[in-house]
């Protein structure tokens, strides 16, 4: 059995993670997308939410899943 990557494609979630990191770091270049607290840089909450929302939609489309609420079943 091969232990290398030459015969494998990355798992979809790893592709999304890689893309998210690239977008995160690209956005981090802009001071408007960050805040600084006691010398530590943080991504702005609004920008972080936008990043997460983009990948939520991308994952939903890729896996054909929905964000519809799931009805609770009655417990007898």
N, C-alpha and C. Protein backbone atom coordinates (compact mmCIF):
# COMPACT_ATOMS: atom_id res chain seq x y z
N UNK A 1 0.84 -1.18 0.00
CA UNK A 1 0.00 0.00 0.00
C UNK A 1 0.89 1.24 0.00
N UNK A 2 0.54 2.20 -0.84
CA UNK A 2 1.31 3.42 -0.95
C UNK A 2 1.06 4.33 0.25
N UNK A 3 2.12 4.94 0.74
CA UNK A 3 1.96 5.90 1.83
C UNK A 3 2.19 7.33 1.33
N UNK A 4 2.49 7.47 0.02
CA UNK A 4 2.71 8.79 -0.56
C UNK A 4 1.42 9.39 -1.07
N UNK A 5 1.50 10.64 -1.52
CA UNK A 5 0.33 11.35 -2.02
C UNK A 5 0.15 11.23 -3.52
N UNK A 6 1.13 10.63 -4.23
CA UNK A 6 1.05 10.61 -5.69
C UNK A 6 -0.18 9.87 -6.22
N UNK A 7 -0.74 8.95 -5.47
CA UNK A 7 -1.92 8.19 -5.90
C UNK A 7 -3.19 8.63 -5.19
N UNK A 8 -3.16 9.81 -4.59
CA UNK A 8 -4.31 10.25 -3.80
C UNK A 8 -4.65 11.70 -4.11
N UNK A 9 -5.92 12.00 -4.03
CA UNK A 9 -6.39 13.39 -4.06
C UNK A 9 -6.71 13.77 -2.62
N UNK A 10 -6.54 15.04 -2.28
CA UNK A 10 -6.87 15.43 -0.91
C UNK A 10 -8.38 15.35 -0.66
N UNK A 11 -8.74 15.10 0.59
CA UNK A 11 -10.15 15.09 0.97
C UNK A 11 -10.74 16.46 0.70
N UNK A 12 -12.01 16.52 0.28
CA UNK A 12 -12.62 17.83 -0.02
C UNK A 12 -12.51 18.83 1.12
N UNK A 13 -12.66 18.38 2.35
CA UNK A 13 -12.60 19.31 3.47
C UNK A 13 -11.20 19.92 3.60
N UNK A 14 -10.17 19.16 3.19
CA UNK A 14 -8.81 19.69 3.23
C UNK A 14 -8.60 20.74 2.14
N UNK A 15 -9.24 20.55 0.99
CA UNK A 15 -9.18 21.55 -0.07
C UNK A 15 -9.83 22.85 0.42
N UNK A 16 -11.01 22.73 1.03
CA UNK A 16 -11.70 23.91 1.55
C UNK A 16 -10.87 24.60 2.63
N UNK A 17 -10.25 23.82 3.50
CA UNK A 17 -9.43 24.39 4.57
C UNK A 17 -8.27 25.18 3.97
N UNK A 18 -7.63 24.60 2.98
CA UNK A 18 -6.50 25.27 2.32
C UNK A 18 -6.95 26.57 1.67
N UNK A 19 -8.07 26.53 0.98
CA UNK A 19 -8.60 27.73 0.34
C UNK A 19 -8.97 28.79 1.37
N UNK A 20 -9.56 28.37 2.47
CA UNK A 20 -9.95 29.31 3.52
C UNK A 20 -8.72 30.00 4.10
N UNK A 21 -7.65 29.24 4.32
CA UNK A 21 -6.43 29.84 4.86
C UNK A 21 -5.84 30.84 3.89
N UNK A 22 -5.86 30.52 2.59
CA UNK A 22 -5.33 31.46 1.59
C UNK A 22 -6.14 32.75 1.62
N UNK A 23 -7.46 32.64 1.68
CA UNK A 23 -8.31 33.84 1.72
C UNK A 23 -8.10 34.61 3.01
N UNK A 24 -7.96 33.88 4.11
CA UNK A 24 -7.73 34.53 5.41
C UNK A 24 -6.45 35.36 5.37
N UNK A 25 -5.38 34.75 4.88
CA UNK A 25 -4.10 35.45 4.86
C UNK A 25 -4.10 36.60 3.85
N UNK A 26 -4.81 36.42 2.73
CA UNK A 26 -4.92 37.50 1.76
C UNK A 26 -5.67 38.68 2.37
N UNK A 27 -6.74 38.40 3.09
CA UNK A 27 -7.51 39.46 3.75
C UNK A 27 -6.76 40.11 4.89
N UNK A 28 -5.88 39.34 5.53
CA UNK A 28 -5.12 39.85 6.67
C UNK A 28 -4.11 40.91 6.26
N UNK A 29 -3.84 41.01 4.96
CA UNK A 29 -2.90 42.02 4.48
C UNK A 29 -3.50 43.42 4.59
N UNK A 30 -4.81 43.52 4.70
CA UNK A 30 -5.47 44.81 4.74
C UNK A 30 -5.82 45.18 6.18
N UNK A 31 -5.28 46.29 6.63
CA UNK A 31 -5.50 46.74 8.01
C UNK A 31 -6.99 46.89 8.33
N UNK A 32 -7.81 47.20 7.33
CA UNK A 32 -9.24 47.39 7.57
C UNK A 32 -9.93 46.10 7.99
N UNK A 33 -9.31 44.95 7.74
CA UNK A 33 -9.91 43.66 8.06
C UNK A 33 -9.43 43.11 9.40
N UNK A 34 -8.74 43.91 10.17
CA UNK A 34 -8.21 43.38 11.42
C UNK A 34 -8.34 44.39 12.55
N UNK A 35 -8.21 43.87 13.75
CA UNK A 35 -8.11 44.71 14.93
C UNK A 35 -6.89 44.24 15.71
N UNK A 36 -6.36 45.12 16.53
CA UNK A 36 -5.19 44.76 17.34
C UNK A 36 -5.54 44.96 18.80
N UNK A 37 -5.25 43.95 19.61
CA UNK A 37 -5.51 44.01 21.04
C UNK A 37 -4.22 43.64 21.76
N UNK A 38 -3.69 44.56 22.50
CA UNK A 38 -2.46 44.35 23.27
C UNK A 38 -1.36 43.71 22.44
N UNK A 39 -1.18 44.23 21.23
CA UNK A 39 -0.09 43.77 20.37
C UNK A 39 -0.38 42.52 19.56
N UNK A 40 -1.57 41.94 19.71
CA UNK A 40 -1.95 40.74 18.95
C UNK A 40 -2.96 41.12 17.89
N UNK A 41 -2.69 40.70 16.63
CA UNK A 41 -3.60 40.99 15.52
C UNK A 41 -4.70 39.94 15.47
N UNK A 42 -5.92 40.40 15.27
CA UNK A 42 -7.07 39.52 15.12
C UNK A 42 -7.82 39.92 13.86
N UNK A 43 -8.42 38.94 13.19
CA UNK A 43 -9.25 39.27 12.04
C UNK A 43 -10.52 39.95 12.55
N UNK A 44 -10.97 40.92 11.82
CA UNK A 44 -12.20 41.63 12.16
C UNK A 44 -13.36 40.64 12.16
N UNK A 45 -14.26 40.76 13.11
CA UNK A 45 -15.38 39.82 13.24
C UNK A 45 -16.27 39.76 12.02
N UNK A 46 -16.52 40.90 11.40
CA UNK A 46 -17.37 40.92 10.21
C UNK A 46 -16.68 40.18 9.07
N UNK A 47 -15.39 40.44 8.89
CA UNK A 47 -14.66 39.75 7.81
C UNK A 47 -14.58 38.25 8.08
N UNK A 48 -14.39 37.88 9.34
CA UNK A 48 -14.35 36.45 9.70
C UNK A 48 -15.69 35.79 9.38
N UNK A 49 -16.79 36.46 9.70
CA UNK A 49 -18.11 35.93 9.41
C UNK A 49 -18.30 35.75 7.90
N UNK A 50 -17.86 36.73 7.11
CA UNK A 50 -17.96 36.61 5.65
C UNK A 50 -17.17 35.42 5.14
N UNK A 51 -15.98 35.23 5.67
CA UNK A 51 -15.13 34.10 5.27
C UNK A 51 -15.81 32.77 5.58
N UNK A 52 -16.33 32.64 6.78
CA UNK A 52 -17.01 31.41 7.18
C UNK A 52 -18.26 31.18 6.34
N UNK A 53 -19.03 32.22 6.09
CA UNK A 53 -20.25 32.09 5.29
C UNK A 53 -19.94 31.62 3.87
N UNK A 54 -18.88 32.16 3.27
CA UNK A 54 -18.52 31.72 1.91
C UNK A 54 -18.22 30.23 1.88
N UNK A 55 -17.50 29.74 2.87
CA UNK A 55 -17.14 28.33 2.86
C UNK A 55 -18.29 27.44 3.30
N UNK A 56 -19.17 27.95 4.12
CA UNK A 56 -20.38 27.20 4.46
C UNK A 56 -21.17 26.92 3.19
N UNK A 57 -21.39 27.95 2.39
CA UNK A 57 -22.14 27.80 1.15
C UNK A 57 -21.41 26.86 0.19
N UNK A 58 -20.11 27.02 0.09
CA UNK A 58 -19.32 26.16 -0.81
C UNK A 58 -19.42 24.69 -0.39
N UNK A 59 -19.32 24.41 0.89
CA UNK A 59 -19.42 23.04 1.39
C UNK A 59 -20.83 22.50 1.17
N UNK A 60 -21.84 23.33 1.41
CA UNK A 60 -23.23 22.90 1.20
C UNK A 60 -23.44 22.50 -0.25
N UNK A 61 -22.92 23.30 -1.18
CA UNK A 61 -23.07 22.98 -2.60
C UNK A 61 -22.30 21.72 -2.97
N UNK A 62 -21.07 21.59 -2.49
CA UNK A 62 -20.23 20.44 -2.82
C UNK A 62 -20.86 19.13 -2.35
N UNK A 63 -21.41 19.14 -1.13
CA UNK A 63 -21.95 17.92 -0.55
C UNK A 63 -23.47 17.82 -0.71
N UNK A 64 -24.07 18.80 -1.39
CA UNK A 64 -25.51 18.82 -1.61
C UNK A 64 -26.27 18.68 -0.28
N UNK A 65 -25.90 19.52 0.66
CA UNK A 65 -26.61 19.54 1.94
C UNK A 65 -27.31 20.88 2.09
N UNK A 66 -28.21 20.96 3.01
CA UNK A 66 -29.01 22.15 3.20
C UNK A 66 -28.83 22.68 4.62
N UNK A 67 -29.22 23.92 4.80
CA UNK A 67 -29.20 24.49 6.14
C UNK A 67 -30.61 24.56 6.72
N UNK A 68 -31.56 23.87 6.07
CA UNK A 68 -32.93 23.83 6.57
C UNK A 68 -32.97 23.18 7.96
N UNK A 69 -33.83 23.69 8.79
CA UNK A 69 -34.02 23.11 10.12
C UNK A 69 -34.54 21.68 10.00
N UNK A 70 -34.16 20.86 10.94
CA UNK A 70 -34.60 19.45 10.97
C UNK A 70 -35.69 19.33 12.03
N UNK A 71 -36.88 18.90 11.63
CA UNK A 71 -37.97 18.76 12.60
C UNK A 71 -37.60 17.77 13.71
N UNK A 72 -37.95 18.13 14.93
CA UNK A 72 -37.73 17.22 16.04
C UNK A 72 -38.78 16.12 15.98
N UNK A 73 -38.37 14.93 16.35
CA UNK A 73 -39.34 13.83 16.39
C UNK A 73 -39.94 13.79 17.79
N UNK A 74 -41.20 13.49 17.86
CA UNK A 74 -41.84 13.43 19.18
C UNK A 74 -41.36 12.21 19.93
N UNK A 75 -41.16 12.39 21.18
CA UNK A 75 -40.71 11.29 22.02
C UNK A 75 -41.89 10.81 22.86
N UNK A 76 -42.20 9.54 22.71
CA UNK A 76 -43.36 8.97 23.41
C UNK A 76 -42.91 8.27 24.66
